[in-house]
Amino acid sequence: MARTQRNKRRGNGQGTIFYNKNKKIWVAQYTVNGKRKTIYQKKYEPKKRFVAKFTKIMNDLNQGTYIDKIDKTFREILEEHVENKFNTNKVSPRTYIRDKQTVKQIKRTCSEIFEMPIQKITVYHIRRVLPNITIYSNKTIDKIYRLINKTFKIAVSDRIIMFNPLDNESITKPRSNIPDKQIEALTLEQNKKMVEVFDREEYKNLKYRNIVLLQLYTGIRIGEALALSIEDVDFKAGTISIRKTMTRDENNHVIIGHTTKTLTAKRTILMRNRTRSILRDAIKEYKKNWEAARLDYQKSKSRS
């Protein structure tokens, strides 16, 4: 096989451009991230235009503005981000579950861009898909928009794309079609009436009576109430230590977390007299249920 004859000359930076006499075209080569890239002069493409194209590539490389062609999809970058946050312990299992749910919501409403190579997504595509997320509440829209924005930011920082389409002045976060729910705390009068109801004789044996009353008298969250253990209650000091809460793991199973919902939620609450009696009743009921469960286990074990 005859050797290809080359007339080589250096391009800008460390690239090489040469004329391939056998193919009768100009060829250019350059290195990106340790990989050698080659581009060829197209049919009927003037030499001057080909050289200018190669010169631009080398200038972009030298200035750090070069973007390599990568087929990585929006979904791949999004899912890698969600998994990486969890695997590096930056989020709790509960937050990880919520993030995965948000990914599903993005897939449902933004299917047009979900599997698209991120380099091909334009402001036009974003304008088309964002109205679709208005079917959710504003709280859910915030999560969706934040994850979409983060995905593009990662692609920019990884030099996959040059521009985040959500930074375009014409793009704004949509508002929900669903009216915001107004959540208000109980008034003192409402709180008093609820206590009066639970103090009625017919409700004295209600299953969750102590939990509800404890929340009414202390203001703790339901997850914090359910996660309380005997060790968290100090009758001598008259305090309740809030150190953990009920949550879910990465498999969506209910567990007692190692901390509260937020770090600032760890606190010590002083008991009122009524709170003492509620907690004593709750502990008494807990011990009774624990003993009943122990006896049931022993019976089932002896039968087997």
Foldseek 3Di string as FASTA:
>chain_A
DDDFDWDWDAAADGKIWIAGPVVRWIKIWDDDPRDIDIDIQDVPRDPVVVSVVVNVQNVCVVVVQHADADFDALQNLLVVVLVVCVVVPVDALQVSQVSVVLSVLCCVQLVVRNGGRPQPDALVSVVVRQVSSLQDAPVSLVSNVVSSQVSQVVCCVVRNYVDRSCPDPVHDRDHHPDDDDDDDDDDPVRLVVVVVVCPDPVNVVPPCSLLVVLCSQFVDDSQQSVLFDPVQQDVVQQKGWRFWGWGAGNVRHIDIDRGYPDNVPGDMGGHDPVNVVSVVVVVVVVVVVVVVVVVVVVVVVVVD
